[in-house]
Amino acid sequence: MRYIIIGAGAIGGGIGGRLFESGREVVLVARGPHLDALRDGGLGFSTPEGTRTLAVRAVGGPEELELTPDDVLVVAVKSQHMPGILEQWAGRPVAGGGTAGELLPLLCAQNGVNNERLALRWFRQVYGVCVWMPATHLEPGRVAVAGTPVSGILHLGRYPTGSDATARAIAADLERARFLAPLPKEVMRWKYGKLIGNLGNALDALAEGLDRGPGAELLLRVRAEGERVLTAAGIDYASAAEQSEARAGRMASAPMEGVELGGSSSRQSLARGTGTIEADYLNGEIVLLARLHGVPAPLNEALRRLANQYAREGRAPGSLPQAELEALLAR
């Protein structure tokens, strides 16, 4: 199988880099200065073993590729970019007849729980991936993955439920590439569990000091609010204790010389000044479910609004005034 990684940032670059090092054929899809750097100098890849440069092929889009029936599409873009990606790739022809949407498996290696449902409108074979991988997009052309002794834990399953031969083959490739790749029957249960943890991403992007005082209290309350909403919606999810047990003794984040990890994916978006943030599909998912089921979610609604405002205005991560943080607690 050839792995086409659509979105070669921290997560996509990390998965693609490890697959490439394990001997699999990999193509990275990127844009802008990151694509230029990948084409000019390869992927700078930092892990606890050291930093090296990988000569991975990089392209700007599907028009630069001839797709084949053996291709696997791994989408690792932020959720707000997903509709454009699906439209861009689904209709592309595959050698021998048919289109990508008809023939190729598509993996959603993304935060949030909306991408798989959206992808199923365009692709027949959709797989959810719950990604646990400490990774940072350091600069154009360079990513770092701090996980050890494995780089990450990637729960993988067919959407909406189950598994199949394709999932098992992909999981085997991931296991050979220094990942753990469990195959749960209900992969979305794990993604909803991770969603609860990701509700703190916006707060991590906005504020400092989440390990103490008002920040720590607000983080707990935001996640508890999310749990209440999922319960009201009748959605099962992997608990924090269950997730901790799945990680215990299997993966830790190791320091790397000369590499500073950039925090949550949302904090990294603010730091890079991308102008967008994925809060609509994290905190916003809870807000949507709360409205559908008639329960309140004021904290997640406030964080969704603030995160989008800070992204649009190009504000620095961690710049939320303490007074505003304390005002959120008063809601």
Protein backbone atom coordinates (compact mmCIF):
# COMPACT_ATOMS: atom_id res chain seq x y z
CA MET A 1 0.00 0.00 0.00
CA ARG A 2 1.03 3.59 -0.64
CA TYR A 3 0.10 6.09 2.04
CA ILE A 4 -0.92 9.56 0.88
CA ILE A 5 -0.84 11.86 3.89
CA ILE A 6 -3.16 14.81 3.27
CA GLY A 7 -1.98 17.47 5.70
CA ALA A 8 1.67 16.85 6.56
CA GLY A 9 1.87 18.93 9.73
CA ALA A 10 2.56 17.62 13.22
CA ILE A 11 0.29 14.57 13.06
CA GLY A 12 0.42 13.89 9.33
CA GLY A 13 4.15 14.47 9.16
CA GLY A 14 4.70 12.27 12.19
CA ILE A 15 2.64 9.37 10.84
CA GLY A 16 4.11 9.76 7.37
CA GLY A 17 7.67 10.02 8.65
CA ARG A 18 7.42 6.86 10.71
CA LEU A 19 5.73 4.92 7.88
CA PHE A 20 8.45 6.08 5.48
CA GLU A 21 11.19 4.97 7.86
CA SER A 22 9.55 1.55 8.15
CA GLY A 23 9.85 1.05 4.39
CA ARG A 24 6.36 1.97 3.24
CA GLU A 25 5.81 4.20 0.22
CA VAL A 26 4.61 7.60 1.41
CA VAL A 27 3.54 10.84 -0.25
CA LEU A 28 3.11 14.00 1.83
CA VAL A 29 0.52 16.57 0.72
CA ALA A 30 1.18 20.08 1.98
CA ARG A 31 0.89 23.72 0.94
CA GLY A 32 2.65 27.07 1.16
CA PRO A 33 6.08 27.43 2.78
CA HIS A 34 5.81 23.95 4.31
CA LEU A 35 5.43 22.38 0.86
CA ASP A 36 8.32 24.45 -0.49
CA ALA A 37 10.57 23.33 2.35
CA LEU A 38 9.59 19.67 1.92
CA ARG A 39 10.31 19.79 -1.79
CA ASP A 40 13.59 21.62 -1.38
CA GLY A 41 15.08 19.76 1.56
CA GLY A 42 12.93 16.82 2.62
CA LEU A 43 11.16 16.30 5.94
CA GLY A 44 13.17 17.32 9.00
CA PHE A 45 12.07 14.66 11.48
CA SER A 46 12.89 14.87 15.19
CA THR A 47 12.15 12.04 17.61
CA PRO A 48 13.77 10.91 20.88
CA GLU A 49 16.33 9.01 18.78
CA GLY A 50 17.53 12.23 17.16
CA THR A 51 16.91 14.48 14.16
CA ARG A 52 17.28 13.39 10.55
CA THR A 53 16.06 14.37 7.11
CA LEU A 54 13.72 12.06 5.21
CA ALA A 55 13.58 12.20 1.42
CA VAL A 56 9.80 11.82 1.26
CA ARG A 57 7.98 12.86 -1.88
CA ALA A 58 5.85 15.97 -1.35
CA VAL A 59 3.06 17.33 -3.56
CA GLY A 60 0.59 20.17 -3.42
CA GLY A 61 -2.55 18.24 -4.36
CA PRO A 62 -4.12 15.30 -6.19
CA GLU A 63 -3.44 16.76 -9.62
CA GLU A 64 0.25 15.85 -9.11
CA LEU A 65 -0.48 12.18 -8.50
CA GLU A 66 -1.75 9.18 -10.44
CA LEU A 67 -3.88 7.35 -7.92
CA THR A 68 -3.87 3.55 -7.86
CA PRO A 69 -6.14 0.96 -6.20
CA ASP A 70 -3.42 0.31 -3.60
CA ASP A 71 -3.46 3.87 -2.24
CA VAL A 72 -4.62 4.75 1.27
CA LEU A 73 -5.64 8.35 1.96
CA VAL A 74 -4.81 9.58 5.47
CA VAL A 75 -6.39 12.96 6.23
CA ALA A 76 -4.67 14.93 8.99
CA VAL A 77 -5.90 18.47 8.31
CA LYS A 78 -7.86 20.44 10.89
CA SER A 79 -11.61 19.81 10.78
CA GLN A 80 -12.43 23.25 9.40
CA HIS A 81 -10.55 22.35 6.20
CA MET A 82 -12.22 18.96 5.72
CA PRO A 83 -15.04 19.88 3.29
CA GLY A 84 -12.61 21.32 0.74
CA ILE A 85 -10.32 18.29 1.04
CA LEU A 86 -13.16 15.85 0.39
CA GLU A 87 -14.37 17.77 -2.63
CA GLN A 88 -10.84 18.01 -3.98
CA TRP A 89 -10.00 14.30 -3.66
CA ALA A 90 -13.21 12.24 -3.94
CA GLY A 91 -13.70 12.60 -7.69
CA ARG A 92 -10.09 12.00 -8.69
CA PRO A 93 -9.67 9.10 -11.13
CA VAL A 94 -7.97 5.90 -10.04
CA ALA A 95 -5.87 3.88 -12.48
CA GLY A 96 -7.95 1.09 -13.97
CA GLY A 97 -11.28 2.89 -13.57
CA GLY A 98 -13.36 4.43 -10.85
CA THR A 99 -12.71 7.32 -8.49
CA ALA A 100 -11.02 7.80 -5.15
CA GLY A 101 -14.37 8.15 -3.42
CA GLU A 102 -15.56 4.86 -4.88
CA LEU A 103 -12.42 2.79 -4.41
CA LEU A 104 -9.92 4.13 -1.87
CA PRO A 105 -9.98 3.88 1.92
CA LEU A 106 -9.92 7.23 3.70
CA LEU A 107 -8.64 7.54 7.27
CA CYS A 108 -9.64 10.51 9.45
CA ALA A 109 -6.61 11.02 11.70
CA GLN A 110 -8.09 14.17 13.21
CA ASN A 111 -9.52 15.59 16.40
CA GLY A 112 -13.27 15.88 16.68
CA VAL A 113 -16.08 13.53 15.67
CA ASN A 114 -17.64 15.22 12.64
CA ASN A 115 -15.09 14.32 9.97
CA GLU A 116 -16.03 10.67 9.52
CA ARG A 117 -19.72 11.41 9.04
CA LEU A 118 -18.89 14.14 6.56
CA ALA A 119 -16.43 11.92 4.68
CA LEU A 120 -19.01 9.16 4.29
CA ARG A 121 -20.97 11.43 1.96
CA TRP A 122 -17.99 11.38 -0.41
CA PHE A 123 -16.14 8.11 0.27
CA ARG A 124 -17.48 4.57 0.56
CA GLN A 125 -14.70 3.34 2.85
CA VAL A 126 -14.18 5.64 5.84
CA TYR A 127 -12.10 4.83 8.92
CA GLY A 128 -11.81 6.73 12.17
CA VAL A 129 -8.46 7.13 13.88
CA CYS A 130 -8.21 8.26 17.49
CA VAL A 131 -4.75 9.83 17.62
CA TRP A 132 -2.67 9.95 20.77
CA MET A 133 0.69 11.29 19.63
CA PRO A 134 2.71 14.14 21.20
CA ALA A 135 3.82 16.02 18.09
CA THR A 136 4.67 19.56 17.01
CA HIS A 137 5.00 21.32 13.67
CA LEU A 138 8.23 23.16 14.46
CA GLU A 139 8.71 25.19 11.30
CA PRO A 140 8.21 24.75 7.54
CA GLY A 141 9.64 21.38 6.58
CA ARG A 142 10.18 20.16 10.14
CA VAL A 143 8.09 18.20 12.65
CA ALA A 144 8.86 16.57 15.98
CA VAL A 145 7.30 13.51 17.63
CA ALA A 146 8.13 12.96 21.30
CA GLY A 147 6.41 9.62 21.99
CA THR A 148 8.47 6.74 23.34
CA PRO A 149 8.91 3.75 23.19
CA VAL A 150 6.22 4.07 20.54
CA SER A 151 5.53 7.32 18.71
CA GLY A 152 1.80 7.15 19.26
CA ILE A 153 -1.30 5.07 19.91
CA LEU A 154 -3.73 5.10 17.00
CA HIS A 155 -7.08 3.41 17.65
CA LEU A 156 -8.40 2.50 14.20
CA GLY A 157 -11.77 1.26 13.02
CA ARG A 158 -14.28 1.29 10.19
CA TYR A 159 -16.86 4.05 10.41
CA PRO A 160 -19.42 3.90 11.87
CA THR A 161 -18.53 0.60 13.57
CA GLY A 162 -16.52 -2.56 13.14
CA SER A 163 -13.33 -3.54 11.41
CA ASP A 164 -12.28 -5.28 8.21
CA ALA A 165 -9.29 -6.65 6.32
CA THR A 166 -8.22 -3.17 5.20
CA ALA A 167 -8.16 -1.89 8.78
CA ARG A 168 -6.15 -4.90 9.89
CA ALA A 169 -3.61 -4.43 7.08
CA ILE A 170 -3.19 -0.72 7.88
CA ALA A 171 -2.87 -1.49 11.59
CA ALA A 172 -0.12 -4.00 10.82
CA ASP A 173 1.79 -1.36 8.84
CA LEU A 174 1.40 1.14 11.69
CA GLU A 175 2.63 -1.40 14.23
CA ARG A 176 5.75 -1.95 12.11
CA ALA A 177 6.23 1.84 12.06
CA ARG A 178 6.52 2.20 15.86
CA PHE A 179 2.88 2.82 16.66
CA LEU A 180 0.36 0.85 18.63
CA ALA A 181 -2.78 0.41 16.53
CA PRO A 182 -5.66 -1.17 18.47
CA LEU A 183 -8.75 -2.17 16.48
CA PRO A 184 -11.79 -1.47 18.68
CA LYS A 185 -15.27 -2.39 17.49
CA GLU A 186 -16.47 1.14 18.27
CA VAL A 187 -13.71 3.54 17.25
CA MET A 188 -15.97 6.57 17.67
CA ARG A 189 -16.38 5.75 21.34
CA TRP A 190 -12.66 6.46 21.67
CA LYS A 191 -12.89 9.60 19.58
CA TYR A 192 -15.74 10.94 21.74
CA GLY A 193 -13.60 10.19 24.79
CA LYS A 194 -10.73 12.12 23.28
CA LEU A 195 -13.14 14.94 22.40
CA ILE A 196 -13.72 15.49 26.13
CA GLY A 197 -9.98 15.91 26.62
CA ASN A 198 -9.72 18.17 23.58
CA LEU A 199 -12.28 20.57 25.05
CA GLY A 200 -9.32 22.05 26.90
CA ASN A 201 -7.45 22.83 23.66
CA ALA A 202 -9.08 26.24 23.25
CA LEU A 203 -8.28 27.10 26.87
CA ASP A 204 -4.68 25.94 26.37
CA ALA A 205 -4.46 28.21 23.32
CA LEU A 206 -5.93 31.21 25.12
CA ALA A 207 -4.45 31.12 28.61
CA GLU A 208 -1.47 30.19 30.75
CA GLY A 209 -1.39 28.38 34.09
CA LEU A 210 -3.87 25.59 33.48
CA ASP A 211 -2.16 23.42 36.08
CA ARG A 212 -3.21 25.63 38.98
CA GLY A 213 -5.76 28.13 40.25
CA PRO A 214 -8.61 29.43 38.07
CA GLY A 215 -7.20 27.87 34.90
CA ALA A 216 -7.18 24.37 36.37
CA GLU A 217 -10.67 24.79 37.81
CA LEU A 218 -12.04 26.07 34.50
CA LEU A 219 -10.46 23.16 32.61
CA LEU A 220 -12.20 20.67 34.89
CA ARG A 221 -15.54 22.45 34.55
CA VAL A 222 -15.33 22.67 30.74
CA ARG A 223 -14.73 18.93 30.48
CA ALA A 224 -17.42 18.10 33.04
CA GLU A 225 -19.86 20.20 31.02
CA GLY A 226 -18.93 18.21 27.93
CA GLU A 227 -19.50 14.92 29.72
CA ARG A 228 -22.96 16.06 30.84
CA VAL A 229 -23.85 16.98 27.28
CA LEU A 230 -22.69 13.63 25.85
CA THR A 231 -24.71 11.84 28.52
CA ALA A 232 -27.79 13.90 27.69
CA ALA A 233 -27.29 13.02 24.02
CA GLY A 234 -27.02 9.30 24.83
CA ILE A 235 -23.49 9.08 23.41
CA ASP A 236 -21.12 6.52 24.92
CA TYR A 237 -17.49 7.51 25.29
CA ALA A 238 -14.27 6.12 26.70
CA SER A 239 -13.78 7.52 30.18
CA ALA A 240 -10.64 9.37 31.26
CA ALA A 241 -9.72 6.39 33.46
CA GLU A 242 -10.15 3.97 30.55
CA GLN A 243 -8.00 6.15 28.31
CA SER A 244 -5.30 6.46 30.96
CA GLU A 245 -5.25 2.70 31.40
CA ALA A 246 -4.88 2.22 27.63
CA ARG A 247 -1.81 4.48 27.63
CA ALA A 248 -0.26 3.39 30.93
CA GLY A 249 3.24 2.03 30.46
CA ARG A 250 2.86 2.05 26.69
CA MET A 251 3.78 5.60 25.66
CA ALA A 252 5.34 8.62 27.31
CA SER A 253 6.56 11.97 26.04
CA ALA A 254 10.35 12.22 26.08
CA PRO A 255 12.41 15.42 26.04
CA MET A 256 14.41 16.09 22.88
CA GLU A 257 17.51 18.24 22.74
CA GLY A 258 16.84 21.53 20.99
CA VAL A 259 13.12 20.80 20.54
CA GLU A 260 10.31 22.53 22.42
CA LEU A 261 6.90 20.94 22.01
CA GLY A 262 4.19 23.45 21.15
CA GLY A 263 1.25 22.40 23.33
CA SER A 264 -2.16 21.45 21.96
CA SER A 265 -2.98 21.59 18.27
CA SER A 266 -5.08 24.70 18.91
CA ARG A 267 -2.23 26.47 20.67
CA GLN A 268 0.04 25.60 17.74
CA SER A 269 -2.52 27.13 15.35
CA LEU A 270 -2.42 30.43 17.24
CA ALA A 271 1.38 30.33 17.46
CA ARG A 272 1.69 29.87 13.68
CA GLY A 273 -0.87 32.62 13.00
CA THR A 274 -2.97 30.44 10.70
CA GLY A 275 -6.05 32.63 11.15
CA THR A 276 -8.28 29.65 11.92
CA ILE A 277 -8.70 27.24 14.81
CA GLU A 278 -10.62 23.98 15.26
CA ALA A 279 -12.74 25.11 18.23
CA ASP A 280 -15.95 24.94 16.16
CA TYR A 281 -15.46 21.16 15.91
CA LEU A 282 -14.34 20.58 19.51
CA ASN A 283 -16.13 22.94 21.90
CA GLY A 284 -18.56 23.66 19.07
CA GLU A 285 -19.52 19.98 18.88
CA ILE A 286 -20.59 20.15 22.51
CA VAL A 287 -22.50 23.37 21.85
CA LEU A 288 -24.32 21.75 18.93
CA LEU A 289 -25.28 18.66 20.94
CA ALA A 290 -26.35 20.82 23.87
CA ARG A 291 -28.71 22.81 21.64
CA LEU A 292 -30.09 19.65 20.04
CA HIS A 293 -30.86 18.09 23.41
CA GLY A 294 -31.92 21.14 25.37
CA VAL A 295 -29.10 21.34 27.90
CA PRO A 296 -26.80 24.28 28.69
CA ALA A 297 -23.14 24.49 27.67
CA PRO A 298 -22.13 28.08 28.47
CA LEU A 299 -18.44 27.41 29.08
CA ASN A 300 -17.86 25.56 25.82
CA GLU A 301 -19.87 28.21 23.98
CA ALA A 302 -17.70 30.97 25.45
CA LEU A 303 -14.45 29.16 24.65
CA ARG A 304 -15.55 28.49 21.07
CA ARG A 305 -16.28 32.18 20.59
CA LEU A 306 -13.05 33.40 22.21
CA ALA A 307 -10.82 30.93 20.37
CA ASN A 308 -12.23 31.99 17.01
CA GLN A 309 -11.84 35.65 17.91
CA TYR A 310 -8.19 35.19 18.91
CA ALA A 311 -7.44 33.23 15.73
CA ARG A 312 -9.07 35.83 13.46
CA GLU A 313 -7.26 38.68 15.18
CA GLY A 314 -3.88 36.94 15.16
CA ARG A 315 -3.43 37.13 18.92
CA ALA A 316 -0.59 35.33 20.64
CA PRO A 317 -1.24 32.08 22.51
CA GLY A 318 -1.66 32.47 26.24
CA SER A 319 -2.64 36.15 26.02
CA LEU A 320 -6.11 35.94 27.60
CA PRO A 321 -6.13 38.42 30.51
CA GLN A 322 -6.50 36.89 33.97
CA ALA A 323 -9.64 38.95 34.56
CA GLU A 324 -11.34 37.37 31.53
CA LEU A 325 -10.30 33.90 32.69
CA GLU A 326 -11.87 34.55 36.08
CA ALA A 327 -15.00 35.97 34.41
CA LEU A 328 -15.45 32.67 32.60
CA LEU A 329 -15.50 30.88 35.94
CA ALA A 330 -18.40 33.08 37.01
CA ARG A 331 -20.66 31.74 34.27
